[in-house]
Each structure stands twice: as C-alpha cells, then as structure tokens.
Amino acid sequence: MAFRYAPYDGSKQPFSIGLAPLAPERWFEPDERLLPELALKDALLAQKRDAVFAERDDTRDSQAEILDAIARHLLAHHGERFSLDDDAIVIDSGARRVNLSGVSPLLAASLLVQDDLCLMRQDRDGWRLVAASLCFPSSWSLGEKFNRR
C-alpha cells in the first residue's frame, strides 16, 4: 500500500510529524476501507465503549457543530458516497445508514468517517480532551488523556 501523505510518503524525515492546514476538499478522504473500518468501530463501541468513546456533558453544543461540519463536508465533497435521507446519512447507496440524532453528536460523526475525532477545549489550566471517539490511537489511550491537562 502506498502512503499518500507525510510523514510516511518519504518527503519528510521519519517521525517528524508536523501540523499543517488542509484544503477543505481534503478534510476527510473516505477510501476503499471505509465500510470495513466503520464496521470495526461498531464492534469496538459494542465491546468496549468506555475505552473508545468519552464525553463531558457540557460539550454537546460543540459536538453538534462538529457533526454539522462533517456532514456538510461529506455531502458536498463526497456526494457520490454520502447522501442525506431525513435525519440520517446514507453511505454507499444504503450499505450503511447513520442516524444523526438520538446519540451523542460526536459519536454520530465518528460513525461517518474512518478517522478518530477528538474535541479539545482550553481552560485557564491549559488544553483538555473533553470529548472523543478514539478507536485507532497510536501509543496512547482515551482513559489516560480524557479531561486531563
């Protein structure tokens, strides 16, 4: 499998990860592994939800903003795979249906994309992880970082 982006595409030194803004059309890029990876998220949530999803009660408005932004992005930039049907997003012509209400907004958003989603909030003591769907972490766990400085 060829990697499309640094640090693994060979254009940067190994382990020199840096942050850079993405063009909006590249924000999420669902690929051929979308449905299997979303099925894996489903299994992880069913088997050990507390290990892969956490939220503070005071984050629901921020979560709703994230869900709205992700849904709008997927419909605008990946309309060939995502469509709106009442209060749900349908993926791949009905292969998957994600209801947008009745669950935590960040959880609903996480069931649309392969990526982990983390909501950080700054307070007087620094940044805190205040809501997350973290199914595929690299060298850390949700339990060790959630709501801590």
N, C-alpha and C. Protein backbone atom coordinates (compact mmCIF):
# COMPACT_ATOMS: atom_id res chain seq x y z
N MET A 1 0.84 -1.17 0.00
CA MET A 1 0.00 0.00 0.00
C MET A 1 0.89 1.24 0.00
N ALA A 2 0.63 2.16 -0.87
CA ALA A 2 1.39 3.40 -0.94
C ALA A 2 0.75 4.44 -0.03
N PHE A 3 1.58 5.16 0.70
CA PHE A 3 1.09 6.22 1.58
C PHE A 3 1.01 7.52 0.79
N ARG A 4 -0.07 8.27 1.00
CA ARG A 4 -0.30 9.49 0.24
C ARG A 4 0.26 10.74 0.89
N TYR A 5 0.51 10.68 2.19
CA TYR A 5 0.89 11.90 2.90
C TYR A 5 2.08 11.67 3.82
N ALA A 6 2.78 12.77 4.10
CA ALA A 6 3.87 12.76 5.07
C ALA A 6 3.27 12.45 6.43
N PRO A 7 3.97 11.84 7.35
CA PRO A 7 5.40 11.59 7.32
C PRO A 7 5.78 10.30 6.62
N TYR A 8 4.83 9.55 6.12
CA TYR A 8 5.13 8.23 5.60
C TYR A 8 5.34 8.18 4.09
N ASP A 9 5.13 9.28 3.40
CA ASP A 9 5.25 9.25 1.94
C ASP A 9 6.68 9.44 1.46
N GLY A 10 7.64 9.61 2.39
CA GLY A 10 9.04 9.74 2.02
C GLY A 10 9.51 11.17 1.85
N SER A 11 8.61 12.15 1.96
CA SER A 11 9.02 13.54 1.75
C SER A 11 9.56 14.21 3.01
N LYS A 12 9.43 13.57 4.16
CA LYS A 12 9.94 14.12 5.42
C LYS A 12 10.78 13.06 6.13
N GLN A 13 11.60 13.54 7.05
CA GLN A 13 12.36 12.62 7.88
C GLN A 13 11.39 11.76 8.69
N PRO A 14 11.72 10.50 8.95
CA PRO A 14 10.82 9.68 9.77
C PRO A 14 10.55 10.33 11.13
N PHE A 15 9.32 10.22 11.56
CA PHE A 15 8.88 10.71 12.87
C PHE A 15 8.97 12.22 13.02
N SER A 16 8.99 12.95 11.93
CA SER A 16 8.98 14.42 12.02
C SER A 16 7.58 14.92 11.68
N ILE A 17 6.63 14.52 12.49
CA ILE A 17 5.24 14.86 12.23
C ILE A 17 5.02 16.33 12.54
N GLY A 18 4.37 17.03 11.64
CA GLY A 18 4.05 18.43 11.85
C GLY A 18 2.61 18.69 11.46
N LEU A 19 2.04 19.74 11.99
CA LEU A 19 0.68 20.09 11.67
C LEU A 19 0.67 21.15 10.59
N ALA A 20 -0.25 21.02 9.67
CA ALA A 20 -0.42 22.00 8.61
C ALA A 20 -1.89 22.01 8.21
N PRO A 21 -2.40 23.16 7.81
CA PRO A 21 -3.80 23.21 7.40
C PRO A 21 -4.04 22.37 6.14
N LEU A 22 -5.22 21.80 6.06
CA LEU A 22 -5.61 21.04 4.88
C LEU A 22 -6.57 21.86 4.03
N ALA A 23 -6.52 21.64 2.75
CA ALA A 23 -7.53 22.23 1.87
C ALA A 23 -8.87 21.59 2.24
N PRO A 24 -9.94 22.36 2.27
CA PRO A 24 -11.24 21.82 2.71
C PRO A 24 -11.67 20.55 1.98
N GLU A 25 -11.39 20.45 0.70
CA GLU A 25 -11.81 19.26 -0.03
C GLU A 25 -11.04 18.01 0.39
N ARG A 26 -9.95 18.17 1.10
CA ARG A 26 -9.16 17.03 1.57
C ARG A 26 -9.36 16.75 3.06
N TRP A 27 -10.33 17.40 3.67
CA TRP A 27 -10.52 17.27 5.11
C TRP A 27 -10.73 15.81 5.50
N PHE A 28 -11.63 15.13 4.84
CA PHE A 28 -11.81 13.69 5.02
C PHE A 28 -11.75 13.06 3.64
N GLU A 29 -11.11 11.91 3.55
CA GLU A 29 -10.97 11.23 2.27
C GLU A 29 -11.34 9.77 2.43
N PRO A 30 -12.63 9.48 2.40
CA PRO A 30 -13.04 8.07 2.52
C PRO A 30 -12.47 7.25 1.38
N ASP A 31 -11.94 6.08 1.71
CA ASP A 31 -11.34 5.24 0.69
C ASP A 31 -12.01 3.88 0.65
N GLU A 32 -11.39 2.92 0.00
CA GLU A 32 -11.98 1.59 -0.17
C GLU A 32 -12.12 0.84 1.15
N ARG A 33 -11.47 1.29 2.19
CA ARG A 33 -11.57 0.64 3.50
C ARG A 33 -12.64 1.27 4.40
N LEU A 34 -13.41 2.22 3.87
CA LEU A 34 -14.39 2.93 4.69
C LEU A 34 -15.35 1.99 5.41
N LEU A 35 -16.06 1.16 4.69
CA LEU A 35 -17.07 0.31 5.33
C LEU A 35 -16.46 -0.70 6.30
N PRO A 36 -15.37 -1.40 5.95
CA PRO A 36 -14.77 -2.31 6.94
C PRO A 36 -14.27 -1.59 8.19
N GLU A 37 -13.71 -0.40 8.04
CA GLU A 37 -13.21 0.31 9.21
C GLU A 37 -14.35 0.86 10.06
N LEU A 38 -15.45 1.26 9.43
CA LEU A 38 -16.62 1.68 10.21
C LEU A 38 -17.24 0.49 10.94
N ALA A 39 -17.20 -0.68 10.31
CA ALA A 39 -17.69 -1.90 10.99
C ALA A 39 -16.81 -2.23 12.19
N LEU A 40 -15.52 -2.01 12.07
CA LEU A 40 -14.62 -2.22 13.21
C LEU A 40 -14.94 -1.24 14.33
N LYS A 41 -15.23 0.01 13.98
CA LYS A 41 -15.65 0.98 15.01
C LYS A 41 -16.91 0.49 15.71
N ASP A 42 -17.88 0.00 14.93
CA ASP A 42 -19.11 -0.53 15.54
C ASP A 42 -18.79 -1.62 16.55
N ALA A 43 -17.90 -2.53 16.18
CA ALA A 43 -17.54 -3.64 17.06
C ALA A 43 -16.85 -3.13 18.33
N LEU A 44 -15.93 -2.19 18.17
CA LEU A 44 -15.24 -1.64 19.34
C LEU A 44 -16.22 -0.92 20.27
N LEU A 45 -17.14 -0.18 19.70
CA LEU A 45 -18.14 0.51 20.52
C LEU A 45 -19.05 -0.48 21.24
N ALA A 46 -19.38 -1.57 20.59
CA ALA A 46 -20.23 -2.59 21.22
C ALA A 46 -19.49 -3.34 22.32
N GLN A 47 -18.21 -3.60 22.11
CA GLN A 47 -17.44 -4.42 23.05
C GLN A 47 -16.83 -3.63 24.20
N LYS A 48 -16.36 -2.42 23.92
CA LYS A 48 -15.70 -1.63 24.97
C LYS A 48 -15.88 -0.14 24.75
N ARG A 49 -17.12 0.25 24.79
CA ARG A 49 -17.50 1.64 24.53
C ARG A 49 -16.73 2.63 25.41
N ASP A 50 -16.62 2.36 26.69
CA ASP A 50 -15.95 3.30 27.59
C ASP A 50 -14.47 3.48 27.26
N ALA A 51 -13.88 2.53 26.59
CA ALA A 51 -12.47 2.64 26.22
C ALA A 51 -12.27 3.45 24.94
N VAL A 52 -13.32 3.58 24.11
CA VAL A 52 -13.15 4.25 22.82
C VAL A 52 -14.01 5.50 22.65
N PHE A 53 -14.94 5.76 23.57
CA PHE A 53 -15.76 6.97 23.47
C PHE A 53 -15.96 7.57 24.86
N ALA A 54 -15.76 8.88 24.94
CA ALA A 54 -16.00 9.61 26.18
C ALA A 54 -16.42 11.03 25.84
N GLU A 55 -17.21 11.61 26.72
CA GLU A 55 -17.65 12.99 26.52
C GLU A 55 -17.97 13.62 27.86
N ARG A 56 -17.69 14.91 27.96
CA ARG A 56 -18.18 15.67 29.10
C ARG A 56 -19.57 16.17 28.73
N ASP A 57 -20.44 16.26 29.73
CA ASP A 57 -21.81 16.69 29.47
C ASP A 57 -21.90 18.08 28.87
N ASP A 58 -20.94 18.94 29.18
CA ASP A 58 -21.01 20.33 28.71
C ASP A 58 -20.45 20.52 27.30
N THR A 59 -20.26 19.43 26.56
CA THR A 59 -19.68 19.54 25.21
C THR A 59 -20.67 19.30 24.09
N ARG A 60 -21.92 19.06 24.40
CA ARG A 60 -22.88 18.68 23.36
C ARG A 60 -23.04 19.74 22.27
N ASP A 61 -23.04 21.03 22.62
CA ASP A 61 -23.17 22.06 21.58
C ASP A 61 -21.96 22.04 20.64
N SER A 62 -20.78 21.89 21.19
CA SER A 62 -19.57 21.81 20.36
C SER A 62 -19.60 20.54 19.50
N GLN A 63 -20.05 19.46 20.08
CA GLN A 63 -20.16 18.22 19.31
C GLN A 63 -21.13 18.39 18.14
N ALA A 64 -22.23 19.09 18.38
CA ALA A 64 -23.21 19.31 17.31
C ALA A 64 -22.60 20.12 16.17
N GLU A 65 -21.75 21.09 16.50
CA GLU A 65 -21.06 21.85 15.46
C GLU A 65 -20.16 20.94 14.63
N ILE A 66 -19.47 20.03 15.30
CA ILE A 66 -18.58 19.10 14.60
C ILE A 66 -19.39 18.19 13.68
N LEU A 67 -20.47 17.63 14.19
CA LEU A 67 -21.31 16.77 13.36
C LEU A 67 -21.83 17.52 12.15
N ASP A 68 -22.31 18.73 12.35
CA ASP A 68 -22.82 19.52 11.23
C ASP A 68 -21.73 19.78 10.19
N ALA A 69 -20.55 20.16 10.64
CA ALA A 69 -19.46 20.45 9.71
C ALA A 69 -19.04 19.20 8.93
N ILE A 70 -18.94 18.07 9.61
CA ILE A 70 -18.54 16.84 8.93
C ILE A 70 -19.61 16.39 7.96
N ALA A 71 -20.87 16.44 8.37
CA ALA A 71 -21.95 16.03 7.48
C ALA A 71 -21.98 16.91 6.23
N ARG A 72 -21.89 18.23 6.42
CA ARG A 72 -21.88 19.14 5.27
C ARG A 72 -20.70 18.85 4.35
N HIS A 73 -19.54 18.61 4.94
CA HIS A 73 -18.35 18.31 4.14
C HIS A 73 -18.55 17.04 3.30
N LEU A 74 -19.00 15.98 3.94
CA LEU A 74 -19.15 14.71 3.23
C LEU A 74 -20.17 14.82 2.11
N LEU A 75 -21.27 15.51 2.36
CA LEU A 75 -22.29 15.67 1.33
C LEU A 75 -21.79 16.54 0.18
N ALA A 76 -21.00 17.57 0.48
CA ALA A 76 -20.51 18.48 -0.55
C ALA A 76 -19.35 17.90 -1.35
N HIS A 77 -18.45 17.20 -0.68
CA HIS A 77 -17.22 16.75 -1.34
C HIS A 77 -17.20 15.27 -1.69
N HIS A 78 -18.13 14.51 -1.15
CA HIS A 78 -18.16 13.06 -1.40
C HIS A 78 -19.59 12.60 -1.64
N GLY A 79 -20.33 13.41 -2.39
CA GLY A 79 -21.73 13.12 -2.66
C GLY A 79 -21.97 11.82 -3.41
N GLU A 80 -20.93 11.31 -4.04
CA GLU A 80 -21.08 10.02 -4.73
C GLU A 80 -21.19 8.86 -3.74
N ARG A 81 -20.78 9.10 -2.49
CA ARG A 81 -20.83 8.04 -1.48
C ARG A 81 -21.78 8.35 -0.33
N PHE A 82 -22.08 9.63 -0.11
CA PHE A 82 -22.88 10.05 1.04
C PHE A 82 -24.10 10.82 0.56
N SER A 83 -25.26 10.50 1.14
CA SER A 83 -26.49 11.23 0.83
C SER A 83 -27.31 11.41 2.10
N LEU A 84 -28.14 12.44 2.10
CA LEU A 84 -28.99 12.75 3.25
C LEU A 84 -30.36 12.13 3.02
N ASP A 85 -30.88 11.46 4.03
CA ASP A 85 -32.21 10.86 3.98
C ASP A 85 -32.89 11.13 5.31
N ASP A 86 -33.78 12.12 5.32
CA ASP A 86 -34.42 12.58 6.55
C ASP A 86 -33.35 12.97 7.56
N ASP A 87 -33.31 12.29 8.71
CA ASP A 87 -32.35 12.63 9.76
C ASP A 87 -31.22 11.61 9.82
N ALA A 88 -30.78 11.17 8.63
CA ALA A 88 -29.70 10.18 8.57
C ALA A 88 -28.84 10.46 7.35
N ILE A 89 -27.62 9.98 7.43
CA ILE A 89 -26.75 10.00 6.25
C ILE A 89 -26.59 8.55 5.80
N VAL A 90 -26.79 8.36 4.52
CA VAL A 90 -26.69 7.04 3.90
C VAL A 90 -25.35 6.97 3.18
N ILE A 91 -24.65 5.88 3.40
CA ILE A 91 -23.33 5.69 2.80
C ILE A 91 -23.41 4.57 1.77
N ASP A 92 -22.81 4.80 0.63
CA ASP A 92 -22.70 3.81 -0.44
C ASP A 92 -24.05 3.18 -0.78
N SER A 93 -25.00 4.04 -1.13
CA SER A 93 -26.32 3.62 -1.62
C SER A 93 -27.04 2.65 -0.67
N GLY A 94 -26.91 2.89 0.60
CA GLY A 94 -27.64 2.09 1.58
C GLY A 94 -26.83 1.02 2.27
N ALA A 95 -25.56 0.90 1.96
CA ALA A 95 -24.72 -0.09 2.64
C ALA A 95 -24.62 0.22 4.13
N ARG A 96 -24.79 1.49 4.47
CA ARG A 96 -24.72 1.91 5.87
C ARG A 96 -25.60 3.14 6.04
N ARG A 97 -26.28 3.22 7.16
CA ARG A 97 -27.14 4.37 7.48
C ARG A 97 -26.77 4.84 8.89
N VAL A 98 -26.47 6.12 9.02
CA VAL A 98 -26.08 6.68 10.31
C VAL A 98 -27.11 7.73 10.70
N ASN A 99 -27.86 7.46 11.77
CA ASN A 99 -28.82 8.43 12.28
C ASN A 99 -28.07 9.58 12.93
N LEU A 100 -28.53 10.79 12.64
CA LEU A 100 -27.84 11.98 13.13
C LEU A 100 -28.39 12.48 14.46
N SER A 101 -29.42 11.85 14.97
CA SER A 101 -29.97 12.24 16.26
C SER A 101 -30.17 10.99 17.11
N GLY A 102 -30.37 11.21 18.40
CA GLY A 102 -30.59 10.09 19.30
C GLY A 102 -29.33 9.55 19.94
N VAL A 103 -28.17 10.03 19.51
CA VAL A 103 -26.90 9.65 20.12
C VAL A 103 -26.06 10.92 20.27
N SER A 104 -24.97 10.81 20.98
CA SER A 104 -24.05 11.95 21.09
C SER A 104 -23.65 12.39 19.69
N PRO A 105 -23.67 13.69 19.42
CA PRO A 105 -23.31 14.15 18.08
C PRO A 105 -21.92 13.72 17.63
N LEU A 106 -20.95 13.72 18.54
CA LEU A 106 -19.60 13.30 18.14
C LEU A 106 -19.58 11.82 17.80
N LEU A 107 -20.35 11.04 18.51
CA LEU A 107 -20.44 9.61 18.20
C LEU A 107 -21.04 9.42 16.82
N ALA A 108 -22.12 10.13 16.51
CA ALA A 108 -22.72 10.04 15.17
C ALA A 108 -21.70 10.45 14.11
N ALA A 109 -20.98 11.54 14.35
CA ALA A 109 -19.97 11.99 13.39
C ALA A 109 -18.90 10.94 13.19
N SER A 110 -18.50 10.30 14.27
CA SER A 110 -17.42 9.31 14.17
C SER A 110 -17.84 8.08 13.38
N LEU A 111 -19.13 7.83 13.28
CA LEU A 111 -19.62 6.68 12.53
C LEU A 111 -19.75 6.97 11.04
N LEU A 112 -19.36 8.18 10.65
CA LEU A 112 -19.38 8.58 9.24
C LEU A 112 -17.99 8.53 8.60
N VAL A 113 -16.96 8.62 9.42
CA VAL A 113 -15.59 8.74 8.89
C VAL A 113 -14.67 7.71 9.53
N GLN A 114 -13.60 7.40 8.84
CA GLN A 114 -12.63 6.43 9.34
C GLN A 114 -11.78 7.00 10.47
N ASP A 115 -11.67 8.30 10.51
CA ASP A 115 -10.78 8.98 11.43
C ASP A 115 -11.29 8.95 12.86
N ASP A 116 -10.36 9.05 13.80
CA ASP A 116 -10.72 9.32 15.19
C ASP A 116 -11.06 10.80 15.29
N LEU A 117 -11.98 11.13 16.18
CA LEU A 117 -12.39 12.52 16.37
C LEU A 117 -12.19 12.90 17.83
N CYS A 118 -11.46 13.99 18.05
CA CYS A 118 -11.17 14.45 19.40
C CYS A 118 -11.51 15.92 19.52
N LEU A 119 -12.21 16.27 20.58
CA LEU A 119 -12.58 17.65 20.86
C LEU A 119 -11.75 18.13 22.04
N MET A 120 -10.98 19.17 21.79
CA MET A 120 -10.14 19.78 22.82
C MET A 120 -10.77 21.10 23.23
N ARG A 121 -10.61 21.43 24.50
CA ARG A 121 -11.10 22.71 25.00
C ARG A 121 -10.04 23.33 25.89
N GLN A 122 -9.83 24.62 25.71
CA GLN A 122 -8.84 25.33 26.52
C GLN A 122 -9.53 25.97 27.71
N ASP A 123 -8.94 25.78 28.88
CA ASP A 123 -9.39 26.49 30.07
C ASP A 123 -8.18 27.18 30.69
N ARG A 124 -8.33 27.74 31.86
CA ARG A 124 -7.23 28.52 32.45
C ARG A 124 -6.01 27.67 32.76
N ASP A 125 -6.19 26.35 32.87
CA ASP A 125 -5.08 25.46 33.18
C ASP A 125 -4.44 24.84 31.94
N GLY A 126 -4.96 25.11 30.77
CA GLY A 126 -4.40 24.55 29.54
C GLY A 126 -5.47 23.84 28.73
N TRP A 127 -5.03 22.99 27.83
CA TRP A 127 -5.93 22.26 26.93
C TRP A 127 -6.33 20.93 27.54
N ARG A 128 -7.59 20.56 27.32
CA ARG A 128 -8.11 19.28 27.80
C ARG A 128 -8.86 18.57 26.68
N LEU A 129 -8.74 17.28 26.67
CA LEU A 129 -9.54 16.44 25.79
C LEU A 129 -10.89 16.25 26.47
N VAL A 130 -11.96 16.80 25.89
CA VAL A 130 -13.25 16.83 26.58
C VAL A 130 -14.31 15.94 25.92
N ALA A 131 -14.04 15.47 24.73
CA ALA A 131 -14.92 14.50 24.07
C ALA A 131 -14.09 13.82 22.98
N ALA A 132 -14.31 12.53 22.81
CA ALA A 132 -13.53 11.83 21.79
C ALA A 132 -14.17 10.50 21.41
N SER A 133 -14.02 10.19 20.15
CA SER A 133 -14.23 8.84 19.65
C SER A 133 -12.86 8.41 19.16
N LEU A 134 -12.22 7.54 19.92
CA LEU A 134 -10.83 7.18 19.67
C LEU A 134 -10.71 5.66 19.55
N CYS A 135 -10.92 5.18 18.35
CA CYS A 135 -10.89 3.73 18.11
C CYS A 135 -9.53 3.24 17.62
N PHE A 136 -8.73 4.13 17.04
CA PHE A 136 -7.46 3.71 16.44
C PHE A 136 -6.30 4.60 16.90
N PRO A 137 -6.06 4.67 18.23
CA PRO A 137 -4.99 5.55 18.72
C PRO A 137 -3.60 4.99 18.42
N SER A 138 -2.64 5.86 18.49
CA SER A 138 -1.25 5.48 18.29
C SER A 138 -0.48 5.79 19.57
N SER A 139 -0.19 4.78 20.35
CA SER A 139 0.65 4.90 21.55
C SER A 139 0.01 5.66 22.71
N TRP A 140 -1.30 5.77 22.76
CA TRP A 140 -1.96 6.36 23.92
C TRP A 140 -3.39 5.86 23.97
N SER A 141 -4.03 6.06 25.11
CA SER A 141 -5.40 5.62 25.27
C SER A 141 -6.28 6.78 25.72
N LEU A 142 -7.55 6.65 25.45
CA LEU A 142 -8.51 7.67 25.84
C LEU A 142 -8.53 7.84 27.36
N GLY A 143 -8.49 6.74 28.08
CA GLY A 143 -8.54 6.81 29.54
C GLY A 143 -7.40 7.59 30.16
N GLU A 144 -6.23 7.55 29.56
CA GLU A 144 -5.09 8.25 30.15
C GLU A 144 -5.08 9.74 29.81
N LYS A 145 -5.84 10.19 28.82
CA LYS A 145 -5.81 11.59 28.41
C LYS A 145 -7.12 12.34 28.64
N PHE A 146 -8.23 11.64 28.80
CA PHE A 146 -9.53 12.30 28.85
C PHE A 146 -9.65 13.24 30.05
N ASN A 147 -10.01 14.48 29.76
CA ASN A 147 -10.29 15.53 30.75
C ASN A 147 -9.09 15.82 31.66
N ARG A 148 -7.91 15.61 31.15
CA ARG A 148 -6.69 15.92 31.91
C ARG A 148 -5.88 16.96 31.17
N ARG A 149 -5.05 17.69 31.92
CA ARG A 149 -4.16 18.67 31.29
C ARG A 149 -2.99 17.97 30.67
